[in-house]
Amino acid sequence: MIKLKFEGKFKVIFFKEKDEENVVAYCPMLDLATCGNTIVKAKENFVECLRIYLEETVKHGTLEKDLMKLGWKPNILNLTMSPPHKETCRNIPLHILKRIDIPVPLRLQ
């Protein structure tokens, strides 16, 4: 069984769509999104969504390929992946509620 440890921070943008009640949590570095009825709930849901994403891509052996499609670069010297330098966002509304770094101390077994 493969054991992996992920540590770092992912920038997450929280916003509301026009005329919607739910808060969207979107991470451009992973093109990953979820929502909740408050920022706190959206953050909780995002952390769970991220955990599932990482577990499933590791389980299926597609994490590296998926990250490379998103613009991440492999670093052969220390066997890591570096995120894209620029944060490209898909049409994020101008009424962003909050931007935060979500720390990710996840252990996958």
Protein backbone atom coordinates (compact mmCIF):
# COMPACT_ATOMS: atom_id res chain seq x y z
CA MET A 1 0.00 0.00 0.00
CA ILE A 2 1.27 3.47 -0.93
CA LYS A 3 1.50 6.06 1.84
CA LEU A 4 1.67 9.68 0.77
CA LYS A 5 1.84 12.88 2.75
CA PHE A 6 0.62 16.17 1.30
CA GLU A 7 1.56 19.41 2.96
CA GLY A 8 1.14 22.92 1.71
CA LYS A 9 -1.44 25.60 1.10
CA PHE A 10 -3.92 26.02 -1.70
CA LYS A 11 -5.37 29.44 -2.49
CA VAL A 12 -9.16 29.23 -2.39
CA ILE A 13 -11.50 31.97 -3.59
CA PHE A 14 -14.95 32.27 -2.02
CA PHE A 15 -17.72 34.01 -3.94
CA LYS A 16 -21.46 34.02 -4.55
CA GLU A 17 -23.00 33.78 -7.97
CA LYS A 18 -25.52 36.48 -8.75
CA ASP A 19 -28.92 35.69 -7.20
CA GLU A 20 -27.58 32.53 -5.51
CA GLU A 21 -27.51 31.83 -1.79
CA ASN A 22 -24.65 29.33 -1.62
CA VAL A 23 -21.03 30.39 -1.28
CA VAL A 24 -18.71 28.81 -3.87
CA ALA A 25 -15.18 27.76 -2.85
CA TYR A 26 -12.89 27.55 -5.89
CA CYS A 27 -9.19 26.63 -6.09
CA PRO A 28 -7.67 27.74 -9.42
CA MET A 29 -4.47 25.69 -8.85
CA LEU A 30 -6.52 22.49 -8.94
CA ASP A 31 -9.60 23.69 -10.87
CA LEU A 32 -11.59 22.27 -7.96
CA ALA A 33 -14.80 23.74 -6.54
CA THR A 34 -17.55 23.07 -4.05
CA CYS A 35 -20.07 25.16 -2.12
CA GLY A 36 -21.83 25.67 1.18
CA ASN A 37 -24.43 27.97 2.69
CA THR A 38 -21.69 29.96 4.53
CA ILE A 39 -17.98 30.58 4.01
CA VAL A 40 -17.22 28.28 6.95
CA LYS A 41 -19.33 25.45 5.48
CA ALA A 42 -17.89 26.01 2.00
CA LYS A 43 -14.38 25.76 3.48
CA GLU A 44 -15.25 22.51 5.31
CA ASN A 45 -16.75 21.09 2.12
CA PHE A 46 -13.69 22.16 0.12
CA VAL A 47 -11.29 20.40 2.50
CA GLU A 48 -13.38 17.21 2.18
CA CYS A 49 -13.57 17.59 -1.62
CA LEU A 50 -9.79 18.03 -1.76
CA ARG A 51 -9.22 14.95 0.39
CA ILE A 52 -11.45 12.85 -1.88
CA TYR A 53 -9.77 14.25 -5.03
CA LEU A 54 -6.30 13.40 -3.74
CA GLU A 55 -7.30 9.94 -2.47
CA GLU A 56 -9.00 8.98 -5.73
CA THR A 57 -6.28 10.28 -8.07
CA VAL A 58 -3.61 8.52 -6.01
CA LYS A 59 -5.68 5.33 -5.90
CA HIS A 60 -6.09 5.36 -9.71
CA GLY A 61 -2.53 6.52 -10.40
CA THR A 62 -3.64 9.70 -12.18
CA LEU A 63 -2.54 12.47 -9.78
CA GLU A 64 0.67 13.41 -11.61
CA LYS A 65 -1.01 13.36 -15.04
CA ASP A 66 -3.93 15.44 -13.72
CA LEU A 67 -1.64 18.03 -12.11
CA MET A 68 0.42 18.32 -15.31
CA LYS A 69 -2.78 19.02 -17.29
CA LEU A 70 -3.40 21.87 -14.85
CA GLY A 71 0.03 23.37 -15.52
CA TRP A 72 2.01 21.87 -12.64
CA LYS A 73 5.65 21.02 -13.39
CA PRO A 74 7.58 17.98 -12.15
CA ASN A 75 10.81 18.67 -10.28
CA ILE A 76 13.07 15.71 -11.01
CA LEU A 77 15.70 16.72 -8.45
CA ASN A 78 13.52 16.34 -5.36
CA LEU A 79 10.65 14.30 -6.84
CA THR A 80 7.97 16.94 -6.24
CA MET A 81 5.42 18.82 -8.33
CA SER A 82 5.46 22.62 -8.49
CA PRO A 83 2.18 24.50 -8.98
CA PRO A 84 1.67 26.94 -11.83
CA HIS A 85 3.28 30.32 -11.12
CA LYS A 86 0.34 32.37 -12.22
CA GLU A 87 -3.14 31.90 -10.84
CA THR A 88 -5.43 31.60 -13.79
CA CYS A 89 -9.09 31.72 -12.90
CA ARG A 90 -12.10 30.86 -14.95
CA ASN A 91 -14.46 33.83 -15.07
CA ILE A 92 -14.54 34.50 -11.35
CA PRO A 93 -17.24 37.05 -10.46
CA LEU A 94 -16.02 40.45 -9.33
CA HIS A 95 -17.90 40.17 -6.02
CA ILE A 96 -15.39 37.87 -4.35
CA LEU A 97 -16.20 37.46 -0.68
CA LYS A 98 -12.85 36.24 0.58
CA ARG A 99 -9.52 34.75 -0.50
CA ILE A 100 -7.70 32.47 1.92
CA ASP A 101 -4.93 29.91 1.97
CA ILE A 102 -6.20 26.56 3.18
CA PRO A 103 -3.46 24.53 4.82
CA VAL A 104 -3.48 20.94 3.72
CA PRO A 105 -1.87 18.48 6.10
CA LEU A 106 -3.32 15.31 4.56
CA ARG A 107 -2.06 11.77 4.96
CA LEU A 108 -3.23 9.17 2.49
CA GLN A 109 -2.79 5.50 3.18
